[in-house]
Amino acid sequence: MANAFKSVAFESIHSSAEALLKIGAIDETTMGEFDEACIGEEPEIPPAQMFGANPPAFAEA
């Protein structure tokens, strides 16, 4: 499974936390808490399930 931000807002929050970590304002433990809060796992979807019964137009012969 791939990791992705839960939303654009969480991506922004995580980016700010990374900047704070870089300047030493927060530690690795706190950054880990931001990781857990902001990043979720995306389920891997097989190609057949992505298109369902309607394949994309470019797939037609």
PDB file of N, CA and C in Angstrom:
ATOM      1  N   MET A   1       0.831  -1.181   0.000  1.00  0.00           N
ATOM      2  CA  MET A   1       0.000   0.000   0.000  1.00  0.00           C
ATOM      3  C   MET A   1       0.878   1.248   0.000  1.00  0.00           C
ATOM      4  N   ALA A   2       0.445   2.205  -0.721  1.00  0.00           N
ATOM      5  CA  ALA A   2       1.185   3.464  -0.799  1.00  0.00           C
ATOM      6  C   ALA A   2       0.700   4.412   0.293  1.00  0.00           C
ATOM      7  N   ASN A   3       1.573   5.289   0.680  1.00  0.00           N
ATOM      8  CA  ASN A   3       1.196   6.298   1.674  1.00  0.00           C
ATOM      9  C   ASN A   3       0.784   7.578   0.974  1.00  0.00           C
ATOM     10  N   ALA A   4      -0.224   8.223   1.512  1.00  0.00           N
ATOM     11  CA  ALA A   4      -0.692   9.492   0.963  1.00  0.00           C
ATOM     12  C   ALA A   4      -1.260  10.331   2.096  1.00  0.00           C
ATOM     13  N   PHE A   5      -1.252  11.625   1.901  1.00  0.00           N
ATOM     14  CA  PHE A   5      -1.831  12.515   2.902  1.00  0.00           C
ATOM     15  C   PHE A   5      -3.343  12.347   2.900  1.00  0.00           C
ATOM     16  N   LYS A   6      -3.932  12.466   4.072  1.00  0.00           N
ATOM     17  CA  LYS A   6      -5.374  12.295   4.220  1.00  0.00           C
ATOM     18  C   LYS A   6      -6.148  13.394   3.514  1.00  0.00           C
ATOM     19  N   SER A   7      -5.568  14.585   3.406  1.00  0.00           N
ATOM     20  CA  SER A   7      -6.205  15.704   2.710  1.00  0.00           C
ATOM     21  C   SER A   7      -5.139  16.758   2.418  1.00  0.00           C
ATOM     22  N   VAL A   8      -5.515  17.758   1.662  1.00  0.00           N
ATOM     23  CA  VAL A   8      -4.603  18.866   1.362  1.00  0.00           C
ATOM     24  C   VAL A   8      -4.233  19.604   2.648  1.00  0.00           C
ATOM     25  N   ALA A   9      -5.192  19.730   3.553  1.00  0.00           N
ATOM     26  CA  ALA A   9      -4.921  20.403   4.832  1.00  0.00           C
ATOM     27  C   ALA A   9      -3.872  19.633   5.638  1.00  0.00           C
ATOM     28  N   PHE A  10      -4.003  18.300   5.686  1.00  0.00           N
ATOM     29  CA  PHE A  10      -3.020  17.499   6.412  1.00  0.00           C
ATOM     30  C   PHE A  10      -1.643  17.583   5.756  1.00  0.00           C
ATOM     31  N   GLU A  11      -1.611  17.685   4.434  1.00  0.00           N
ATOM     32  CA  GLU A  11      -0.335  17.843   3.736  1.00  0.00           C
ATOM     33  C   GLU A  11       0.342  19.148   4.145  1.00  0.00           C
ATOM     34  N   SER A  12      -0.426  20.218   4.264  1.00  0.00           N
ATOM     35  CA  SER A  12       0.098  21.517   4.679  1.00  0.00           C
ATOM     36  C   SER A  12       0.605  21.476   6.119  1.00  0.00           C
ATOM     37  N   ILE A  13      -0.174  20.855   6.990  1.00  0.00           N
ATOM     38  CA  ILE A  13       0.231  20.727   8.395  1.00  0.00           C
ATOM     39  C   ILE A  13       1.528  19.936   8.493  1.00  0.00           C
ATOM     40  N   HIS A  14       1.618  18.841   7.750  1.00  0.00           N
ATOM     41  CA  HIS A  14       2.809  17.993   7.779  1.00  0.00           C
ATOM     42  C   HIS A  14       4.022  18.757   7.255  1.00  0.00           C
ATOM     43  N   SER A  15       3.829  19.544   6.219  1.00  0.00           N
ATOM     44  CA  SER A  15       4.914  20.351   5.661  1.00  0.00           C
ATOM     45  C   SER A  15       5.440  21.342   6.696  1.00  0.00           C
ATOM     46  N   SER A  16       4.535  21.962   7.423  1.00  0.00           N
ATOM     47  CA  SER A  16       4.944  22.895   8.483  1.00  0.00           C
ATOM     48  C   SER A  16       5.707  22.169   9.584  1.00  0.00           C
ATOM     49  N   ALA A  17       5.242  20.973   9.936  1.00  0.00           N
ATOM     50  CA  ALA A  17       5.933  20.186  10.961  1.00  0.00           C
ATOM     51  C   ALA A  17       7.335  19.802  10.494  1.00  0.00           C
ATOM     52  N   GLU A  18       7.487  19.473   9.212  1.00  0.00           N
ATOM     53  CA  GLU A  18       8.818  19.156   8.671  1.00  0.00           C
ATOM     54  C   GLU A  18       9.754  20.354   8.795  1.00  0.00           C
ATOM     55  N   ALA A  19       9.235  21.542   8.545  1.00  0.00           N
ATOM     56  CA  ALA A  19      10.051  22.754   8.682  1.00  0.00           C
ATOM     57  C   ALA A  19      10.459  22.959  10.137  1.00  0.00           C
ATOM     58  N   LEU A  20       9.538  22.716  11.061  1.00  0.00           N
ATOM     59  CA  LEU A  20       9.857  22.837  12.486  1.00  0.00           C
ATOM     60  C   LEU A  20      10.911  21.815  12.903  1.00  0.00           C
ATOM     61  N   LEU A  21      10.825  20.609  12.359  1.00  0.00           N
ATOM     62  CA  LEU A  21      11.823  19.576  12.651  1.00  0.00           C
ATOM     63  C   LEU A  21      13.195  20.000  12.128  1.00  0.00           C
ATOM     64  N   LYS A  22      13.202  20.562  10.940  1.00  0.00           N
ATOM     65  CA  LYS A  22      14.462  20.976  10.310  1.00  0.00           C
ATOM     66  C   LYS A  22      15.198  22.036  11.134  1.00  0.00           C
ATOM     67  N   ILE A  23      14.462  22.942  11.769  1.00  0.00           N
ATOM     68  CA  ILE A  23      15.119  23.993  12.564  1.00  0.00           C
ATOM     69  C   ILE A  23      15.279  23.602  14.033  1.00  0.00           C
ATOM     70  N   GLY A  24      14.827  22.386  14.370  1.00  0.00           N
ATOM     71  CA  GLY A  24      15.005  21.896  15.732  1.00  0.00           C
ATOM     72  C   GLY A  24      13.930  22.303  16.719  1.00  0.00           C
ATOM     73  N   ALA A  25      12.817  22.829  16.225  1.00  0.00           N
ATOM     74  CA  ALA A  25      11.741  23.259  17.118  1.00  0.00           C
ATOM     75  C   ALA A  25      10.920  22.081  17.651  1.00  0.00           C
ATOM     76  N   ILE A  26      10.913  20.963  16.911  1.00  0.00           N
ATOM     77  CA  ILE A  26      10.270  19.735  17.393  1.00  0.00           C
ATOM     78  C   ILE A  26      11.256  18.589  17.223  1.00  0.00           C
ATOM     79  N   ASP A  27      11.033  17.492  17.961  1.00  0.00           N
ATOM     80  CA  ASP A  27      11.937  16.350  17.866  1.00  0.00           C
ATOM     81  C   ASP A  27      11.337  15.256  16.975  1.00  0.00           C
ATOM     82  N   GLU A  28      12.111  14.181  16.773  1.00  0.00           N
ATOM     83  CA  GLU A  28      11.680  13.083  15.906  1.00  0.00           C
ATOM     84  C   GLU A  28      10.405  12.406  16.423  1.00  0.00           C
ATOM     85  N   THR A  29      10.268  12.305  17.736  1.00  0.00           N
ATOM     86  CA  THR A  29       9.074  11.683  18.316  1.00  0.00           C
ATOM     87  C   THR A  29       7.827  12.477  17.946  1.00  0.00           C
ATOM     88  N   THR A  30       7.910  13.781  18.083  1.00  0.00           N
ATOM     89  CA  THR A  30       6.776  14.642  17.732  1.00  0.00           C
ATOM     90  C   THR A  30       6.495  14.561  16.237  1.00  0.00           C
ATOM     91  N   MET A  31       7.559  14.505  15.421  1.00  0.00           N
ATOM     92  CA  MET A  31       7.371  14.384  13.976  1.00  0.00           C
ATOM     93  C   MET A  31       6.664  13.073  13.648  1.00  0.00           C
ATOM     94  N   GLY A  32       6.995  12.027  14.370  1.00  0.00           N
ATOM     95  CA  GLY A  32       6.315  10.745  14.174  1.00  0.00           C
ATOM     96  C   GLY A  32       4.826  10.842  14.456  1.00  0.00           C
ATOM     97  N   GLU A  33       4.472  11.643  15.449  1.00  0.00           N
ATOM     98  CA  GLU A  33       3.057  11.850  15.752  1.00  0.00           C
ATOM     99  C   GLU A  33       2.358  12.585  14.611  1.00  0.00           C
ATOM    100  N   PHE A  34       3.058  13.554  14.009  1.00  0.00           N
ATOM    101  CA  PHE A  34       2.493  14.244  12.842  1.00  0.00           C
ATOM    102  C   PHE A  34       2.344  13.270  11.673  1.00  0.00           C
ATOM    103  N   ASP A  35       3.337  12.393  11.489  1.00  0.00           N
ATOM    104  CA  ASP A  35       3.242  11.385  10.431  1.00  0.00           C
ATOM    105  C   ASP A  35       1.985  10.538  10.607  1.00  0.00           C
ATOM    106  N   GLU A  36       1.778  10.040  11.829  1.00  0.00           N
ATOM    107  CA  GLU A  36       0.618   9.192  12.100  1.00  0.00           C
ATOM    108  C   GLU A  36      -0.695   9.937  11.878  1.00  0.00           C
ATOM    109  N   ALA A  37      -0.730  11.203  12.253  1.00  0.00           N
ATOM    110  CA  ALA A  37      -1.962  11.982  12.138  1.00  0.00           C
ATOM    111  C   ALA A  37      -2.261  12.401  10.700  1.00  0.00           C
ATOM    112  N   CYS A  38      -1.221  12.666   9.921  1.00  0.00           N
ATOM    113  CA  CYS A  38      -1.419  13.273   8.603  1.00  0.00           C
ATOM    114  C   CYS A  38      -1.387  12.293   7.434  1.00  0.00           C
ATOM    115  N   ILE A  39      -0.691  11.177   7.609  1.00  0.00           N
ATOM    116  CA  ILE A  39      -0.493  10.258   6.492  1.00  0.00           C
ATOM    117  C   ILE A  39      -1.313   8.996   6.714  1.00  0.00           C
ATOM    118  N   GLY A  40      -2.045   8.603   5.687  1.00  0.00           N
ATOM    119  CA  GLY A  40      -2.827   7.373   5.723  1.00  0.00           C
ATOM    120  C   GLY A  40      -2.395   6.474   4.588  1.00  0.00           C
ATOM    121  N   GLU A  41      -2.800   5.226   4.646  1.00  0.00           N
ATOM    122  CA  GLU A  41      -2.460   4.298   3.582  1.00  0.00           C
ATOM    123  C   GLU A  41      -3.559   4.289   2.535  1.00  0.00           C
ATOM    124  N   GLU A  42      -3.141   4.307   1.278  1.00  0.00           N
ATOM    125  CA  GLU A  42      -4.080   4.189   0.170  1.00  0.00           C
ATOM    126  C   GLU A  42      -4.144   2.727  -0.231  1.00  0.00           C
ATOM    127  N   PRO A  43      -5.315   2.154  -0.328  1.00  0.00           N
ATOM    128  CA  PRO A  43      -5.393   0.755  -0.767  1.00  0.00           C
ATOM    129  C   PRO A  43      -4.996   0.641  -2.232  1.00  0.00           C
ATOM    130  N   GLU A  44      -4.293  -0.445  -2.563  1.00  0.00           N
ATOM    131  CA  GLU A  44      -3.942  -0.684  -3.958  1.00  0.00           C
ATOM    132  C   GLU A  44      -5.156  -1.300  -4.645  1.00  0.00           C
ATOM    133  N   ILE A  45      -5.569  -0.688  -5.738  1.00  0.00           N
ATOM    134  CA  ILE A  45      -6.751  -1.144  -6.458  1.00  0.00           C
ATOM    135  C   ILE A  45      -6.301  -1.784  -7.767  1.00  0.00           C
ATOM    136  N   PRO A  46      -6.698  -3.040  -8.019  1.00  0.00           N
ATOM    137  CA  PRO A  46      -6.324  -3.676  -9.281  1.00  0.00           C
ATOM    138  C   PRO A  46      -6.950  -2.927 -10.458  1.00  0.00           C
ATOM    139  N   PRO A  47      -6.265  -2.909 -11.603  1.00  0.00           N
ATOM    140  CA  PRO A  47      -6.779  -2.170 -12.769  1.00  0.00           C
ATOM    141  C   PRO A  47      -8.207  -2.555 -13.152  1.00  0.00           C
ATOM    142  N   ALA A  48      -8.551  -3.823 -13.068  1.00  0.00           N
ATOM    143  CA  ALA A  48      -9.903  -4.255 -13.440  1.00  0.00           C
ATOM    144  C   ALA A  48     -10.947  -3.608 -12.542  1.00  0.00           C
ATOM    145  N   GLN A  49     -10.603  -3.389 -11.300  1.00  0.00           N
ATOM    146  CA  GLN A  49     -11.547  -2.784 -10.363  1.00  0.00           C
ATOM    147  C   GLN A  49     -11.652  -1.272 -10.575  1.00  0.00           C
ATOM    148  N   MET A  50     -10.594  -0.653 -11.075  1.00  0.00           N
ATOM    149  CA  MET A  50     -10.603   0.796 -11.294  1.00  0.00           C
ATOM    150  C   MET A  50     -11.642   1.202 -12.319  1.00  0.00           C
ATOM    151  N   PHE A  51     -11.739   0.424 -13.401  1.00  0.00           N
ATOM    152  CA  PHE A  51     -12.624   0.791 -14.496  1.00  0.00           C
ATOM    153  C   PHE A  51     -13.979   0.101 -14.411  1.00  0.00           C
ATOM    154  N   GLY A  52     -14.064  -0.965 -13.654  1.00  0.00           N
ATOM    155  CA  GLY A  52     -15.326  -1.679 -13.514  1.00  0.00           C
ATOM    156  C   GLY A  52     -15.827  -2.169 -14.855  1.00  0.00           C
ATOM    157  N   ALA A  53     -17.098  -2.003 -15.109  1.00  0.00           N
ATOM    158  CA  ALA A  53     -17.710  -2.477 -16.350  1.00  0.00           C
ATOM    159  C   ALA A  53     -17.491  -1.507 -17.500  1.00  0.00           C
ATOM    160  N   ASN A  54     -16.984  -0.324 -17.237  1.00  0.00           N
ATOM    161  CA  ASN A  54     -16.799   0.690 -18.276  1.00  0.00           C
ATOM    162  C   ASN A  54     -15.321   0.956 -18.522  1.00  0.00           C
ATOM    163  N   PRO A  55     -14.698   0.210 -19.443  1.00  0.00           N
ATOM    164  CA  PRO A  55     -13.281   0.472 -19.726  1.00  0.00           C
ATOM    165  C   PRO A  55     -13.113   1.842 -20.379  1.00  0.00           C
ATOM    166  N   PRO A  56     -11.934   2.428 -20.264  1.00  0.00           N
ATOM    167  CA  PRO A  56     -11.718   3.740 -20.877  1.00  0.00           C
ATOM    168  C   PRO A  56     -11.817   3.653 -22.401  1.00  0.00           C
ATOM    169  N   ALA A  57     -12.135   4.764 -23.040  1.00  0.00           N
ATOM    170  CA  ALA A  57     -12.334   4.807 -24.488  1.00  0.00           C
ATOM    171  C   ALA A  57     -11.102   4.355 -25.257  1.00  0.00           C
ATOM    172  N   PHE A  58      -9.908   4.656 -24.758  1.00  0.00           N
ATOM    173  CA  PHE A  58      -8.700   4.295 -25.485  1.00  0.00           C
ATOM    174  C   PHE A  58      -8.470   2.782 -25.495  1.00  0.00           C
ATOM    175  N   ALA A  59      -9.169   2.025 -24.657  1.00  0.00           N
ATOM    176  CA  ALA A  59      -9.000   0.573 -24.594  1.00  0.00           C
ATOM    177  C   ALA A  59      -9.822  -0.136 -25.666  1.00  0.00           C
ATOM    178  N   GLU A  60     -10.755   0.580 -26.278  1.00  0.00           N
ATOM    179  CA  GLU A  60     -11.590  -0.037 -27.306  1.00  0.00           C
ATOM    180  C   GLU A  60     -10.829  -0.134 -28.611  1.00  0.00           C
ATOM    181  N   ALA A  61     -11.077  -1.217 -29.341  1.00  0.00           N
ATOM    182  CA  ALA A  61     -10.364  -1.430 -30.609  1.00  0.00           C
ATOM    183  C   ALA A  61     -11.145  -0.914 -31.782  1.00  0.00           C
TER     184      ALA A  61
END
